[in-house]
Amino acid sequence: MRGWLIVALVCAFAAPVYSQSGPEVEALLDAFFAKDLNSLCEHLPPDLADIIKALPPDARAELAHRYLLAEEGSRHGIVYTREQNDAVLQIQYPRKGQESPGNPEDIYLDKRMYDGNEVMLRFRPRFGQTAPQWQEDARLVVWMKYVEDNWRVYEIDINGREIRLDDPNYLAYLKRPQPTPNEESAVGSLRTINTALVTYSSSFPDIGYPESLENLGVDPSSSDDEDSNFVATPEHLGLIDNMLSSPPFQKSGYKFIYNKISNSEYSVGARPQRYGSDGRTSYFTDQSGVIRETSEDRDATADDPPLQ
């Protein structure tokens, strides 16, 4: 996207741009002040907009907290004023212990580079009431394209940190079904089991990894008083809860299958008890600590891709 900018930089576009208006700036402000994702999608790359519109309600709600910037900031007491005092945007942050906001921060457009259906906008804050000064180390650069009758944001650079909204990897991530609570619980349980297995192997090097997940829990026959004076042994290390360490090793709709391969190797699988209703993903992990997954109705294996 930036190839045309090299030509633009050679041309006479290097001087600061003090005019704060323009259709692309208006579109960017519309995106910033959008109150819902449907309005915002009009100013995002079409591929990203299509994915967002197809997401389930809970995933859309989570994205709204990250994408609806003015709405989210307002919930934290930040006041945004559009096109105030010749600035593109004025921001007033809350003052600790006071109801009124603090001194405003004015955001100006100080450079615009335009080439047909693409534009680069650079914004910087200016401080001070009598002789405003640029804050040299703060900048926001936005690359936009005119696509499907709208100016759309394709790339953002915040103080050197680049965000590409049409990044294929990011689009692929959004397309993935969002994990259910059961699936999130299963992944968390596998991480707990991995940690407990490493601790067990370190605690009892002559044994290596245990024979069963039961060895990672507490003795189910012990009383509450005995638990308060618990001493770790090779039979019961006391690092995972009773649901994970007691047959049939099931928790939150998932069944866990542990296999000791040798003193230095093991595998653990987690599979939905009822595929589709309890979960849509099976998981696998081993002594590497990497968790792998498959959305097929089968056990996950070491050949499946790692968890994203």
C-alpha atoms as a PDB file:
ATOM      1  CA  MET A   1       0.000   0.000   0.000  1.00  0.00           C
ATOM      2  CA  ARG A   2       2.868   2.344   0.671  1.00  0.00           C
ATOM      3  CA  GLY A   3       4.590   2.230  -2.727  1.00  0.00           C
ATOM      4  CA  TRP A   4       2.735   5.278  -4.001  1.00  0.00           C
ATOM      5  CA  LEU A   5       3.817   7.201  -0.913  1.00  0.00           C
ATOM      6  CA  ILE A   6       7.423   7.200  -2.107  1.00  0.00           C
ATOM      7  CA  VAL A   7       6.337   9.148  -5.180  1.00  0.00           C
ATOM      8  CA  ALA A   8       4.191  11.429  -3.042  1.00  0.00           C
ATOM      9  CA  LEU A   9       7.067  12.206  -0.724  1.00  0.00           C
ATOM     10  CA  VAL A  10       9.230  13.256  -3.665  1.00  0.00           C
ATOM     11  CA  CYS A  11       6.484  15.604  -4.771  1.00  0.00           C
ATOM     12  CA  ALA A  12       5.412  18.769  -3.005  1.00  0.00           C
ATOM     13  CA  PHE A  13       3.383  17.171  -0.221  1.00  0.00           C
ATOM     14  CA  ALA A  14       5.909  17.537   2.561  1.00  0.00           C
ATOM     15  CA  ALA A  15       4.578  20.809   3.930  1.00  0.00           C
ATOM     16  CA  PRO A  16       2.236  20.597   6.945  1.00  0.00           C
ATOM     17  CA  VAL A  17      -1.471  20.527   6.148  1.00  0.00           C
ATOM     18  CA  TYR A  18      -3.480  22.796   8.369  1.00  0.00           C
ATOM     19  CA  SER A  19      -6.879  22.299   6.768  1.00  0.00           C
ATOM     20  CA  GLN A  20      -8.656  19.816   9.017  1.00  0.00           C
ATOM     21  CA  SER A  21     -11.586  19.060   6.711  1.00  0.00           C
ATOM     22  CA  GLY A  22     -11.967  16.621   3.840  1.00  0.00           C
ATOM     23  CA  PRO A  23     -14.139  13.574   3.076  1.00  0.00           C
ATOM     24  CA  GLU A  24     -11.523  11.086   4.246  1.00  0.00           C
ATOM     25  CA  VAL A  25     -11.107  12.928   7.570  1.00  0.00           C
ATOM     26  CA  GLU A  26     -14.887  13.021   7.996  1.00  0.00           C
ATOM     27  CA  ALA A  27     -15.046   9.275   7.299  1.00  0.00           C
ATOM     28  CA  LEU A  28     -12.320   8.617   9.864  1.00  0.00           C
ATOM     29  CA  LEU A  29     -14.185  10.649  12.474  1.00  0.00           C
ATOM     30  CA  ASP A  30     -17.407   8.797  11.619  1.00  0.00           C
ATOM     31  CA  ALA A  31     -15.541   5.558  12.317  1.00  0.00           C
ATOM     32  CA  PHE A  32     -14.119   6.879  15.592  1.00  0.00           C
ATOM     33  CA  PHE A  33     -17.521   8.076  16.849  1.00  0.00           C
ATOM     34  CA  ALA A  34     -19.479   5.038  15.565  1.00  0.00           C
ATOM     35  CA  LYS A  35     -22.000   3.850  18.124  1.00  0.00           C
ATOM     36  CA  ASP A  36     -22.399   0.325  16.736  1.00  0.00           C
ATOM     37  CA  LEU A  37     -20.393  -2.134  14.664  1.00  0.00           C
ATOM     38  CA  ASN A  38     -22.678  -1.865  11.637  1.00  0.00           C
ATOM     39  CA  SER A  39     -21.910   1.848  11.335  1.00  0.00           C
ATOM     40  CA  LEU A  40     -18.215   1.225  11.875  1.00  0.00           C
ATOM     41  CA  CYS A  41     -18.100  -1.502   9.216  1.00  0.00           C
ATOM     42  CA  GLU A  42     -18.868   1.106   6.549  1.00  0.00           C
ATOM     43  CA  HIS A  43     -15.335   2.429   7.107  1.00  0.00           C
ATOM     44  CA  LEU A  44     -13.433  -0.869   7.453  1.00  0.00           C
ATOM     45  CA  PRO A  45     -11.984  -3.076   4.684  1.00  0.00           C
ATOM     46  CA  PRO A  46     -14.894  -5.013   3.091  1.00  0.00           C
ATOM     47  CA  ASP A  47     -13.409  -8.426   3.960  1.00  0.00           C
ATOM     48  CA  LEU A  48     -13.105  -7.445   7.623  1.00  0.00           C
ATOM     49  CA  ALA A  49     -16.575  -5.893   7.642  1.00  0.00           C
ATOM     50  CA  ASP A  50     -18.126  -9.079   6.212  1.00  0.00           C
ATOM     51  CA  ILE A  51     -16.456 -11.217   8.878  1.00  0.00           C
ATOM     52  CA  ILE A  52     -17.601  -8.923  11.705  1.00  0.00           C
ATOM     53  CA  LYS A  53     -21.189  -8.930  10.461  1.00  0.00           C
ATOM     54  CA  ALA A  54     -21.194 -12.759  10.431  1.00  0.00           C
ATOM     55  CA  LEU A  55     -19.872 -13.154  13.986  1.00  0.00           C
ATOM     56  CA  PRO A  56     -22.185 -14.452  16.729  1.00  0.00           C
ATOM     57  CA  PRO A  57     -23.575 -11.865  19.176  1.00  0.00           C
ATOM     58  CA  ASP A  58     -21.117 -12.608  21.992  1.00  0.00           C
ATOM     59  CA  ALA A  59     -18.109 -12.249  19.675  1.00  0.00           C
ATOM     60  CA  ARG A  60     -19.494  -9.001  18.244  1.00  0.00           C
ATOM     61  CA  ALA A  61     -19.984  -7.639  21.746  1.00  0.00           C
ATOM     62  CA  GLU A  62     -16.355  -8.404  22.590  1.00  0.00           C
ATOM     63  CA  LEU A  63     -15.144  -6.694  19.418  1.00  0.00           C
ATOM     64  CA  ALA A  64     -17.318  -3.670  20.142  1.00  0.00           C
ATOM     65  CA  HIS A  65     -15.308  -2.972  23.308  1.00  0.00           C
ATOM     66  CA  ARG A  66     -12.115  -2.828  21.211  1.00  0.00           C
ATOM     67  CA  TYR A  67     -13.372  -1.157  18.038  1.00  0.00           C
ATOM     68  CA  LEU A  68     -15.923   1.443  19.196  1.00  0.00           C
ATOM     69  CA  LEU A  69     -13.261   3.773  20.528  1.00  0.00           C
ATOM     70  CA  ALA A  70     -15.290   6.839  21.495  1.00  0.00           C
ATOM     71  CA  GLU A  71     -18.017   4.717  23.085  1.00  0.00           C
ATOM     72  CA  GLU A  72     -15.505   2.760  25.150  1.00  0.00           C
ATOM     73  CA  GLY A  73     -13.587   5.882  26.184  1.00  0.00           C
ATOM     74  CA  SER A  74     -16.780   7.608  27.285  1.00  0.00           C
ATOM     75  CA  ARG A  75     -17.483   4.754  29.671  1.00  0.00           C
ATOM     76  CA  HIS A  76     -14.201   5.631  31.386  1.00  0.00           C
ATOM     77  CA  GLY A  77     -15.016   9.317  31.685  1.00  0.00           C
ATOM     78  CA  ILE A  78     -13.101  10.549  28.630  1.00  0.00           C
ATOM     79  CA  VAL A  79     -14.785  13.417  26.776  1.00  0.00           C
ATOM     80  CA  TYR A  80     -14.307  13.634  22.999  1.00  0.00           C
ATOM     81  CA  THR A  81     -15.294  16.696  21.006  1.00  0.00           C
ATOM     82  CA  ARG A  82     -15.352  16.506  17.227  1.00  0.00           C
ATOM     83  CA  GLU A  83     -13.663  19.319  15.236  1.00  0.00           C
ATOM     84  CA  GLN A  84     -13.152  21.774  18.063  1.00  0.00           C
ATOM     85  CA  ASN A  85     -11.040  24.979  17.899  1.00  0.00           C
ATOM     86  CA  ASP A  86      -9.716  24.118  14.414  1.00  0.00           C
ATOM     87  CA  ALA A  87      -8.553  20.730  15.680  1.00  0.00           C
ATOM     88  CA  VAL A  88      -9.789  17.427  14.257  1.00  0.00           C
ATOM     89  CA  LEU A  89     -10.502  16.135  17.743  1.00  0.00           C
ATOM     90  CA  GLN A  90     -10.326  17.414  21.295  1.00  0.00           C
ATOM     91  CA  ILE A  91      -9.812  14.951  24.159  1.00  0.00           C
ATOM     92  CA  GLN A  92     -10.366  15.641  27.844  1.00  0.00           C
ATOM     93  CA  TYR A  93      -9.326  12.962  30.300  1.00  0.00           C
ATOM     94  CA  PRO A  94     -10.933  12.654  33.736  1.00  0.00           C
ATOM     95  CA  ARG A  95      -9.109  14.155  36.696  1.00  0.00           C
ATOM     96  CA  LYS A  96      -8.636  11.861  39.649  1.00  0.00           C
ATOM     97  CA  GLY A  97     -11.051  12.687  42.440  1.00  0.00           C
ATOM     98  CA  GLN A  98     -12.839  15.400  40.451  1.00  0.00           C
ATOM     99  CA  GLU A  99     -16.037  15.352  38.434  1.00  0.00           C
ATOM    100  CA  SER A 100     -14.902  17.786  35.726  1.00  0.00           C
ATOM    101  CA  PRO A 101     -12.402  16.676  33.058  1.00  0.00           C
ATOM    102  CA  GLY A 102      -8.831  17.946  32.922  1.00  0.00           C
ATOM    103  CA  ASN A 103      -7.195  20.239  30.392  1.00  0.00           C
ATOM    104  CA  PRO A 104      -8.021  19.358  26.782  1.00  0.00           C
ATOM    105  CA  GLU A 105      -5.627  17.749  24.339  1.00  0.00           C
ATOM    106  CA  ASP A 106      -6.108  18.936  20.752  1.00  0.00           C
ATOM    107  CA  ILE A 107      -5.372  16.569  17.870  1.00  0.00           C
ATOM    108  CA  TYR A 108      -4.469  18.171  14.546  1.00  0.00           C
ATOM    109  CA  LEU A 109      -3.941  16.859  11.055  1.00  0.00           C
ATOM    110  CA  ASP A 110      -0.415  17.981  10.218  1.00  0.00           C
ATOM    111  CA  LYS A 111       0.136  16.048   6.984  1.00  0.00           C
ATOM    112  CA  ARG A 112      -2.033  14.662   4.199  1.00  0.00           C
ATOM    113  CA  MET A 113      -0.673  12.731   1.201  1.00  0.00           C
ATOM    114  CA  TYR A 114      -3.225  11.894  -1.458  1.00  0.00           C
ATOM    115  CA  ASP A 115      -3.041   9.772  -4.579  1.00  0.00           C
ATOM    116  CA  GLY A 116      -6.322   9.046  -6.320  1.00  0.00           C
ATOM    117  CA  ASN A 117      -8.214   6.514  -4.211  1.00  0.00           C
ATOM    118  CA  GLU A 118      -5.630   6.308  -1.405  1.00  0.00           C
ATOM    119  CA  VAL A 119      -4.631   8.768   1.277  1.00  0.00           C
ATOM    120  CA  MET A 120      -2.255   8.953   4.208  1.00  0.00           C
ATOM    121  CA  LEU A 121      -3.226  11.125   7.169  1.00  0.00           C
ATOM    122  CA  ARG A 122      -0.831  12.001   9.959  1.00  0.00           C
ATOM    123  CA  PHE A 123      -2.170  13.397  13.223  1.00  0.00           C
ATOM    124  CA  ARG A 124      -0.300  14.852  16.165  1.00  0.00           C
ATOM    125  CA  PRO A 125      -1.324  16.532  19.409  1.00  0.00           C
ATOM    126  CA  ARG A 126      -0.486  20.163  20.138  1.00  0.00           C
ATOM    127  CA  PHE A 127      -0.225  21.446  23.711  1.00  0.00           C
ATOM    128  CA  GLY A 128      -0.325  24.873  25.252  1.00  0.00           C
ATOM    129  CA  GLN A 129      -2.867  27.672  25.242  1.00  0.00           C
ATOM    130  CA  THR A 130      -0.868  30.692  24.017  1.00  0.00           C
ATOM    131  CA  ALA A 131       1.799  29.120  21.768  1.00  0.00           C
ATOM    132  CA  PRO A 132       0.785  25.559  20.957  1.00  0.00           C
ATOM    133  CA  GLN A 133       3.683  23.170  20.351  1.00  0.00           C
ATOM    134  CA  TRP A 134       3.773  19.830  18.570  1.00  0.00           C
ATOM    135  CA  GLN A 135       4.510  16.831  20.731  1.00  0.00           C
ATOM    136  CA  GLU A 136       7.278  15.427  18.556  1.00  0.00           C
ATOM    137  CA  ASP A 137       7.279  11.856  19.887  1.00  0.00           C
ATOM    138  CA  ALA A 138       3.513  11.307  19.487  1.00  0.00           C
ATOM    139  CA  ARG A 139       1.869  10.610  16.172  1.00  0.00           C
ATOM    140  CA  LEU A 140      -0.949   8.656  14.585  1.00  0.00           C
ATOM    141  CA  VAL A 141      -0.700   7.738  10.901  1.00  0.00           C
ATOM    142  CA  VAL A 142      -3.724   6.325   9.084  1.00  0.00           C
ATOM    143  CA  TRP A 143      -3.786   4.855   5.569  1.00  0.00           C
ATOM    144  CA  MET A 144      -7.196   4.833   3.888  1.00  0.00           C
ATOM    145  CA  LYS A 145      -8.644   3.679   0.563  1.00  0.00           C
ATOM    146  CA  TYR A 146     -11.795   4.729  -1.249  1.00  0.00           C
ATOM    147  CA  VAL A 147     -13.556   1.373  -1.757  1.00  0.00           C
ATOM    148  CA  GLU A 148     -17.225   0.627  -2.414  1.00  0.00           C
ATOM    149  CA  ASP A 149     -18.251   4.283  -2.191  1.00  0.00           C
ATOM    150  CA  ASN A 150     -16.623   4.886   1.202  1.00  0.00           C
ATOM    151  CA  TRP A 151     -13.304   5.935   2.636  1.00  0.00           C
ATOM    152  CA  ARG A 152     -12.099   2.937   4.632  1.00  0.00           C
ATOM    153  CA  VAL A 153      -9.284   2.507   7.163  1.00  0.00           C
ATOM    154  CA  TYR A 154      -6.737  -0.105   6.090  1.00  0.00           C
ATOM    155  CA  GLU A 155      -3.700   0.548   8.240  1.00  0.00           C
ATOM    156  CA  ILE A 156      -2.889   2.430  11.436  1.00  0.00           C
ATOM    157  CA  ASP A 157       0.506   3.348  12.858  1.00  0.00           C
ATOM    158  CA  ILE A 158       0.477   4.488  16.485  1.00  0.00           C
ATOM    159  CA  ASN A 159       3.916   5.798  17.471  1.00  0.00           C
ATOM    160  CA  GLY A 160       5.579   3.145  15.300  1.00  0.00           C
ATOM    161  CA  ARG A 161       3.220   0.272  16.149  1.00  0.00           C
ATOM    162  CA  GLU A 162       1.538  -0.860  12.946  1.00  0.00           C
ATOM    163  CA  ILE A 163      -1.938  -2.402  12.763  1.00  0.00           C
ATOM    164  CA  ARG A 164      -3.130  -3.785   9.420  1.00  0.00           C
ATOM    165  CA  LEU A 165      -6.875  -4.272   9.332  1.00  0.00           C
ATOM    166  CA  ASP A 166      -6.649  -6.381   6.165  1.00  0.00           C
ATOM    167  CA  ASP A 167      -3.923  -8.686   7.520  1.00  0.00           C
ATOM    168  CA  PRO A 168      -4.811 -12.218   6.274  1.00  0.00           C
ATOM    169  CA  ASN A 169      -3.710 -13.769   9.575  1.00  0.00           C
ATOM    170  CA  TYR A 170      -5.973 -11.452  11.542  1.00  0.00           C
ATOM    171  CA  LEU A 171      -8.905 -12.113   9.223  1.00  0.00           C
ATOM    172  CA  ALA A 172      -8.341 -15.875   9.567  1.00  0.00           C
ATOM    173  CA  TYR A 173      -8.278 -15.514  13.359  1.00  0.00           C
ATOM    174  CA  LEU A 174     -11.605 -13.676  13.378  1.00  0.00           C
ATOM    175  CA  LYS A 175     -13.178 -16.342  11.169  1.00  0.00           C
ATOM    176  CA  ARG A 176     -12.393 -19.050  13.696  1.00  0.00           C
ATOM    177  CA  PRO A 177     -15.313 -19.979  15.924  1.00  0.00           C
ATOM    178  CA  GLN A 178     -14.902 -18.274  19.276  1.00  0.00           C
ATOM    179  CA  PRO A 179     -14.227 -20.728  22.121  1.00  0.00           C
ATOM    180  CA  THR A 180     -17.145 -21.688  24.321  1.00  0.00           C
ATOM    181  CA  PRO A 181     -16.833 -21.584  28.129  1.00  0.00           C
ATOM    182  CA  ASN A 182     -16.355 -25.370  28.132  1.00  0.00           C
ATOM    183  CA  GLU A 183     -13.552 -25.089  25.585  1.00  0.00           C
ATOM    184  CA  GLU A 184     -11.846 -22.301  27.515  1.00  0.00           C
ATOM    185  CA  SER A 185     -12.115 -24.428  30.666  1.00  0.00           C
ATOM    186  CA  ALA A 186     -10.592 -27.443  28.886  1.00  0.00           C
ATOM    187  CA  VAL A 187      -7.602 -25.402  27.696  1.00  0.00           C
ATOM    188  CA  GLY A 188      -7.121 -24.006  31.193  1.00  0.00           C
ATOM    189  CA  SER A 189      -7.282 -27.508  32.669  1.00  0.00           C
ATOM    190  CA  LEU A 190      -4.652 -28.773  30.214  1.00  0.00           C
ATOM    191  CA  ARG A 191      -2.321 -25.946  31.185  1.00  0.00           C
ATOM    192  CA  THR A 192      -2.840 -26.808  34.867  1.00  0.00           C
ATOM    193  CA  ILE A 193      -2.138 -30.478  34.163  1.00  0.00           C
ATOM    194  CA  ASN A 194       1.013 -29.631  32.195  1.00  0.00           C
ATOM    195  CA  THR A 195       2.324 -27.536  35.084  1.00  0.00           C
ATOM    196  CA  ALA A 196       1.483 -30.241  37.626  1.00  0.00           C
ATOM    197  CA  LEU A 197       3.210 -32.924  35.538  1.00  0.00           C
ATOM    198  CA  VAL A 198       6.399 -30.872  35.290  1.00  0.00           C
ATOM    199  CA  THR A 199       6.307 -30.282  39.052  1.00  0.00           C
ATOM    200  CA  TYR A 200       5.761 -33.998  39.707  1.00  0.00           C
ATOM    201  CA  SER A 201       8.682 -34.980  37.472  1.00  0.00           C
ATOM    202  CA  SER A 202      10.944 -32.453  39.195  1.00  0.00           C
ATOM    203  CA  SER A 203       9.825 -33.560  42.650  1.00  0.00           C
ATOM    204  CA  PHE A 204      10.291 -37.260  41.971  1.00  0.00           C
ATOM    205  CA  PRO A 205      13.014 -37.576  39.308  1.00  0.00           C
ATOM    206  CA  ASP A 206      13.385 -41.334  39.855  1.00  0.00           C
ATOM    207  CA  ILE A 207       9.775 -41.784  38.780  1.00  0.00           C
ATOM    208  CA  GLY A 208       9.560 -39.081  36.145  1.00  0.00           C
ATOM    209  CA  TYR A 209       5.988 -38.493  35.082  1.00  0.00           C
ATOM    210  CA  PRO A 210       3.254 -40.213  37.153  1.00  0.00           C
ATOM    211  CA  GLU A 211       1.292 -43.284  36.140  1.00  0.00           C
ATOM    212  CA  SER A 212      -2.070 -41.551  36.413  1.00  0.00           C
ATOM    213  CA  LEU A 213      -3.711 -38.165  36.854  1.00  0.00           C
ATOM    214  CA  GLU A 214      -4.807 -39.504  40.242  1.00  0.00           C
ATOM    215  CA  ASN A 215      -1.210 -39.033  41.408  1.00  0.00           C
ATOM    216  CA  LEU A 216      -1.506 -35.291  40.792  1.00  0.00           C
ATOM    217  CA  GLY A 217      -4.463 -34.773  43.146  1.00  0.00           C
ATOM    218  CA  VAL A 218      -5.137 -35.366  46.811  1.00  0.00           C
ATOM    219  CA  ASP A 219      -6.139 -38.687  48.316  1.00  0.00           C
ATOM    220  CA  PRO A 220      -9.944 -38.811  47.828  1.00  0.00           C
ATOM    221  CA  SER A 221     -10.274 -40.905  50.982  1.00  0.00           C
ATOM    222  CA  SER A 222      -8.643 -38.278  53.185  1.00  0.00           C
ATOM    223  CA  SER A 223     -10.722 -36.067  55.489  1.00  0.00           C
ATOM    224  CA  ASP A 224     -10.798 -32.273  55.548  1.00  0.00           C
ATOM    225  CA  ASP A 225      -8.600 -32.280  58.657  1.00  0.00           C
ATOM    226  CA  GLU A 226      -6.032 -34.444  56.883  1.00  0.00           C
ATOM    227  CA  ASP A 227      -6.113 -32.131  53.870  1.00  0.00           C
ATOM    228  CA  SER A 228      -5.094 -29.190  56.057  1.00  0.00           C
ATOM    229  CA  ASN A 229      -1.922 -31.119  56.998  1.00  0.00           C
ATOM    230  CA  PHE A 230      -1.322 -32.401  53.468  1.00  0.00           C
ATOM    231  CA  VAL A 231       2.138 -33.691  52.596  1.00  0.00           C
ATOM    232  CA  ALA A 232       2.977 -34.325  48.932  1.00  0.00           C
ATOM    233  CA  THR A 233       3.874 -37.919  48.077  1.00  0.00           C
ATOM    234  CA  PRO A 234       4.396 -39.806  44.793  1.00  0.00           C
ATOM    235  CA  GLU A 235       0.870 -41.188  45.212  1.00  0.00           C
ATOM    236  CA  HIS A 236      -0.796 -37.805  45.695  1.00  0.00           C
ATOM    237  CA  LEU A 237       0.915 -34.522  44.830  1.00  0.00           C
ATOM    238  CA  GLY A 238      -2.130 -32.323  45.520  1.00  0.00           C
ATOM    239  CA  LEU A 239      -1.788 -29.935  42.566  1.00  0.00           C
ATOM    240  CA  ILE A 240      -5.000 -30.462  40.590  1.00  0.00           C
ATOM    241  CA  ASP A 241      -8.622 -30.571  41.672  1.00  0.00           C
ATOM    242  CA  ASN A 242     -10.626 -33.712  42.371  1.00  0.00           C
ATOM    243  CA  MET A 243     -12.571 -33.589  39.103  1.00  0.00           C
ATOM    244  CA  LEU A 244      -9.362 -33.782  37.058  1.00  0.00           C
ATOM    245  CA  SER A 245      -7.621 -36.271  39.354  1.00  0.00           C
ATOM    246  CA  SER A 246     -10.518 -38.706  39.931  1.00  0.00           C
ATOM    247  CA  PRO A 247     -12.047 -41.196  37.473  1.00  0.00           C
ATOM    248  CA  PRO A 248     -13.670 -40.701  35.021  1.00  0.00           C
ATOM    249  CA  PHE A 249     -11.496 -37.516  34.737  1.00  0.00           C
ATOM    250  CA  GLN A 250     -14.264 -35.282  33.431  1.00  0.00           C
ATOM    251  CA  LYS A 251     -14.780 -31.557  33.903  1.00  0.00           C
ATOM    252  CA  SER A 252     -16.958 -28.926  32.210  1.00  0.00           C
ATOM    253  CA  GLY A 253     -18.154 -31.279  29.492  1.00  0.00           C
ATOM    254  CA  TYR A 254     -14.692 -32.626  28.641  1.00  0.00           C
ATOM    255  CA  LYS A 255     -13.031 -35.985  29.307  1.00  0.00           C
ATOM    256  CA  PHE A 256      -9.268 -35.989  29.907  1.00  0.00           C
ATOM    257  CA  ILE A 257      -7.080 -38.927  28.878  1.00  0.00           C
ATOM    258  CA  TYR A 258      -3.556 -39.129  30.248  1.00  0.00           C
ATOM    259  CA  ASN A 259      -0.903 -41.523  28.970  1.00  0.00           C
ATOM    260  CA  LYS A 260       2.568 -41.957  30.462  1.00  0.00           C
ATOM    261  CA  ILE A 261       4.812 -42.981  27.571  1.00  0.00           C
ATOM    262  CA  SER A 262       8.077 -43.048  29.528  1.00  0.00           C
ATOM    263  CA  ASN A 263       9.655 -41.323  32.492  1.00  0.00           C
ATOM    264  CA  SER A 264      10.292 -38.329  30.230  1.00  0.00           C
ATOM    265  CA  GLU A 265       7.315 -38.446  27.856  1.00  0.00           C
ATOM    266  CA  TYR A 266       3.559 -38.189  28.219  1.00  0.00           C
ATOM    267  CA  SER A 267       0.436 -37.147  26.357  1.00  0.00           C
ATOM    268  CA  VAL A 268      -2.873 -35.708  27.495  1.00  0.00           C
ATOM    269  CA  GLY A 269      -6.023 -35.489  25.403  1.00  0.00           C
ATOM    270  CA  ALA A 270      -9.203 -33.568  26.097  1.00  0.00           C
ATOM    271  CA  ARG A 271     -12.320 -34.399  24.103  1.00  0.00           C
ATOM    272  CA  PRO A 272     -15.942 -33.211  24.439  1.00  0.00           C
ATOM    273  CA  GLN A 273     -18.169 -35.776  26.109  1.00  0.00           C
ATOM    274  CA  ARG A 274     -20.847 -34.881  23.551  1.00  0.00           C
ATOM    275  CA  TYR A 275     -19.345 -33.385  20.433  1.00  0.00           C
ATOM    276  CA  GLY A 276     -21.249 -30.308  19.316  1.00  0.00           C
ATOM    277  CA  SER A 277     -23.160 -29.694  22.542  1.00  0.00           C
ATOM    278  CA  ASP A 278     -20.379 -29.879  25.169  1.00  0.00           C
ATOM    279  CA  GLY A 279     -17.713 -28.584  22.805  1.00  0.00           C
ATOM    280  CA  ARG A 280     -16.621 -28.436  19.173  1.00  0.00           C
ATOM    281  CA  THR A 281     -12.874 -28.804  19.663  1.00  0.00           C
ATOM    282  CA  SER A 282     -10.619 -31.606  20.874  1.00  0.00           C
ATOM    283  CA  TYR A 283      -7.194 -30.854  22.342  1.00  0.00           C
ATOM    284  CA  PHE A 284      -3.841 -32.588  22.725  1.00  0.00           C
ATOM    285  CA  THR A 285      -0.700 -31.755  24.653  1.00  0.00           C
ATOM    286  CA  ASP A 286       2.515 -33.475  25.689  1.00  0.00           C
ATOM    287  CA  GLN A 287       5.811 -32.810  27.475  1.00  0.00           C
ATOM    288  CA  SER A 288       6.515 -29.934  25.055  1.00  0.00           C
ATOM    289  CA  GLY A 289       3.720 -27.964  26.729  1.00  0.00           C
ATOM    290  CA  VAL A 290       2.225 -27.052  23.341  1.00  0.00           C
ATOM    291  CA  ILE A 291      -1.555 -27.448  23.163  1.00  0.00           C
ATOM    292  CA  ARG A 292      -2.897 -28.608  19.794  1.00  0.00           C
ATOM    293  CA  GLU A 293      -6.464 -28.650  18.556  1.00  0.00           C
ATOM    294  CA  THR A 294      -8.869 -30.012  15.982  1.00  0.00           C
ATOM    295  CA  SER A 295     -12.466 -29.111  15.237  1.00  0.00           C
ATOM    296  CA  GLU A 296     -13.096 -32.589  13.781  1.00  0.00           C
ATOM    297  CA  ASP A 297     -15.081 -35.142  15.795  1.00  0.00           C
ATOM    298  CA  ARG A 298     -12.037 -37.181  16.849  1.00  0.00           C
ATOM    299  CA  ASP A 299      -9.141 -37.202  19.285  1.00  0.00           C
ATOM    300  CA  ALA A 300      -6.583 -34.474  18.701  1.00  0.00           C
ATOM    301  CA  THR A 301      -3.020 -35.614  17.994  1.00  0.00           C
ATOM    302  CA  ALA A 302       0.543 -34.313  17.891  1.00  0.00           C
ATOM    303  CA  ASP A 303       0.055 -33.696  14.154  1.00  0.00           C
ATOM    304  CA  ASP A 304      -2.726 -31.149  14.660  1.00  0.00           C
ATOM    305  CA  PRO A 305      -1.982 -27.404  14.565  1.00  0.00           C
ATOM    306  CA  PRO A 306      -1.116 -25.588  17.784  1.00  0.00           C
ATOM    307  CA  LEU A 307      -3.741 -23.597  19.613  1.00  0.00           C
ATOM    308  CA  GLN A 308      -4.014 -20.057  18.199  1.00  0.00           C
END
